[in-house]
């Protein structure tokens, strides 16, 4: 069993953990960030792995936000120009 944040999030094995991180969506990223902050408050610090997971979560949210902003901009302009 793999766990992070003092057992606040658990996985059956390391592959399940890796798959979760690689296939993370916005909701999963927010859940992990919430648990990280909760754990940080309880323990006062993160391991290297936990820091890496936080980094991946924040990047995922940033990627999704950038994709959404791009879609919104292209949807606003049905003629293909900026006027």
C-alpha atoms as a PDB file:
ATOM      1  CA  UNK A   1       0.000   0.000   0.000  1.00  0.00           C
ATOM      2  CA  UNK A   2       1.239   3.462  -0.949  1.00  0.00           C
ATOM      3  CA  UNK A   3       0.125   6.524   0.949  1.00  0.00           C
ATOM      4  CA  UNK A   4       0.885  10.207   0.942  1.00  0.00           C
ATOM      5  CA  UNK A   5       0.153  12.956   3.422  1.00  0.00           C
ATOM      6  CA  UNK A   6       0.220  10.698   6.432  1.00  0.00           C
ATOM      7  CA  UNK A   7      -2.347   8.322   4.955  1.00  0.00           C
ATOM      8  CA  UNK A   8      -4.874  11.009   3.967  1.00  0.00           C
ATOM      9  CA  UNK A   9      -4.621   9.600   0.413  1.00  0.00           C
ATOM     10  CA  UNK A  10      -3.877   5.896  -0.136  1.00  0.00           C
ATOM     11  CA  UNK A  11      -3.211   3.719  -3.177  1.00  0.00           C
ATOM     12  CA  UNK A  12      -2.996  -0.069  -3.469  1.00  0.00           C
ATOM     13  CA  UNK A  13       0.462   0.105  -5.089  1.00  0.00           C
ATOM     14  CA  UNK A  14       2.938   2.479  -6.696  1.00  0.00           C
ATOM     15  CA  UNK A  15       1.553   1.862 -10.215  1.00  0.00           C
ATOM     16  CA  UNK A  16      -1.922   2.928  -9.100  1.00  0.00           C
ATOM     17  CA  UNK A  17      -0.334   6.061  -7.606  1.00  0.00           C
ATOM     18  CA  UNK A  18       1.555   6.806 -10.855  1.00  0.00           C
ATOM     19  CA  UNK A  19      -1.576   6.234 -12.959  1.00  0.00           C
ATOM     20  CA  UNK A  20      -3.594   8.543 -10.717  1.00  0.00           C
ATOM     21  CA  UNK A  21      -1.040  11.313 -11.085  1.00  0.00           C
ATOM     22  CA  UNK A  22      -0.611  10.872 -14.848  1.00  0.00           C
ATOM     23  CA  UNK A  23      -4.372  10.804 -15.518  1.00  0.00           C
ATOM     24  CA  UNK A  24      -5.254  13.564 -13.102  1.00  0.00           C
ATOM     25  CA  UNK A  25      -8.144  15.879 -13.902  1.00  0.00           C
ATOM     26  CA  UNK A  26      -8.998  19.205 -12.302  1.00  0.00           C
ATOM     27  CA  UNK A  27     -11.112  17.676  -9.524  1.00  0.00           C
ATOM     28  CA  UNK A  28      -8.414  15.163  -8.566  1.00  0.00           C
ATOM     29  CA  UNK A  29      -5.795  17.902  -8.561  1.00  0.00           C
ATOM     30  CA  UNK A  30      -7.916  20.065  -6.279  1.00  0.00           C
ATOM     31  CA  UNK A  31      -8.537  17.111  -3.938  1.00  0.00           C
ATOM     32  CA  UNK A  32      -4.815  16.421  -3.659  1.00  0.00           C
ATOM     33  CA  UNK A  33      -4.013  20.084  -3.050  1.00  0.00           C
ATOM     34  CA  UNK A  34      -6.666  20.204  -0.331  1.00  0.00           C
ATOM     35  CA  UNK A  35      -5.194  17.107   1.358  1.00  0.00           C
ATOM     36  CA  UNK A  36      -1.661  18.491   1.027  1.00  0.00           C
ATOM     37  CA  UNK A  37      -2.596  21.699   2.749  1.00  0.00           C
ATOM     38  CA  UNK A  38      -4.462  19.788   5.457  1.00  0.00           C
ATOM     39  CA  UNK A  39      -1.416  17.575   6.018  1.00  0.00           C
ATOM     40  CA  UNK A  40       0.950  20.534   5.993  1.00  0.00           C
ATOM     41  CA  UNK A  41      -1.068  22.199   8.721  1.00  0.00           C
ATOM     42  CA  UNK A  42      -1.002  18.991  10.779  1.00  0.00           C
ATOM     43  CA  UNK A  43       2.666  18.100  10.230  1.00  0.00           C
ATOM     44  CA  UNK A  44       4.419  21.301   9.232  1.00  0.00           C
ATOM     45  CA  UNK A  45       6.098  20.062   6.059  1.00  0.00           C
ATOM     46  CA  UNK A  46       6.123  17.834   2.969  1.00  0.00           C
ATOM     47  CA  UNK A  47       8.360  15.040   1.696  1.00  0.00           C
ATOM     48  CA  UNK A  48      10.061  15.320  -1.696  1.00  0.00           C
ATOM     49  CA  UNK A  49       7.369  13.095  -3.246  1.00  0.00           C
ATOM     50  CA  UNK A  50       4.608  15.207  -1.766  1.00  0.00           C
ATOM     51  CA  UNK A  51       6.225  18.392  -3.096  1.00  0.00           C
ATOM     52  CA  UNK A  52       6.407  16.758  -6.533  1.00  0.00           C
ATOM     53  CA  UNK A  53       2.721  15.822  -6.387  1.00  0.00           C
ATOM     54  CA  UNK A  54       1.782  19.393  -5.463  1.00  0.00           C
ATOM     55  CA  UNK A  55       3.850  20.662  -8.392  1.00  0.00           C
ATOM     56  CA  UNK A  56       2.072  18.232 -10.768  1.00  0.00           C
ATOM     57  CA  UNK A  57      -1.350  19.289  -9.446  1.00  0.00           C
ATOM     58  CA  UNK A  58      -0.647  22.962  -9.909  1.00  0.00           C
ATOM     59  CA  UNK A  59       0.697  22.356 -13.427  1.00  0.00           C
ATOM     60  CA  UNK A  60      -2.428  20.353 -14.322  1.00  0.00           C
ATOM     61  CA  UNK A  61      -4.668  23.178 -13.149  1.00  0.00           C
ATOM     62  CA  UNK A  62      -2.578  25.699 -15.082  1.00  0.00           C
ATOM     63  CA  UNK A  63      -2.733  23.574 -18.274  1.00  0.00           C
ATOM     64  CA  UNK A  64      -6.491  23.162 -17.981  1.00  0.00           C
ATOM     65  CA  UNK A  65      -6.979  26.871 -17.346  1.00  0.00           C
ATOM     66  CA  UNK A  66      -4.831  27.763 -20.376  1.00  0.00           C
ATOM     67  CA  UNK A  67      -6.843  25.364 -22.575  1.00  0.00           C
ATOM     68  CA  UNK A  68     -10.108  26.840 -21.327  1.00  0.00           C
ATOM     69  CA  UNK A  69      -8.911  30.392 -21.939  1.00  0.00           C
ATOM     70  CA  UNK A  70      -7.888  29.462 -25.473  1.00  0.00           C
ATOM     71  CA  UNK A  71     -11.291  27.908 -26.134  1.00  0.00           C
ATOM     72  CA  UNK A  72     -13.102  30.934 -24.760  1.00  0.00           C
ATOM     73  CA  UNK A  73     -11.117  33.299 -26.941  1.00  0.00           C
ATOM     74  CA  UNK A  74     -11.745  31.320 -30.106  1.00  0.00           C
ATOM     75  CA  UNK A  75     -15.453  30.911 -29.281  1.00  0.00           C
ATOM     76  CA  UNK A  76     -15.912  34.669 -28.892  1.00  0.00           C
ATOM     77  CA  UNK A  77     -14.764  35.418 -32.421  1.00  0.00           C
ATOM     78  CA  UNK A  78     -16.878  33.504 -34.919  1.00  0.00           C
ATOM     79  CA  UNK A  79     -15.501  35.474 -37.899  1.00  0.00           C
ATOM     80  CA  UNK A  80     -11.856  34.672 -37.261  1.00  0.00           C
ATOM     81  CA  UNK A  81     -10.837  38.279 -36.735  1.00  0.00           C
ATOM     82  CA  UNK A  82     -10.314  40.328 -33.602  1.00  0.00           C
ATOM     83  CA  UNK A  83     -12.529  43.299 -34.515  1.00  0.00           C
END
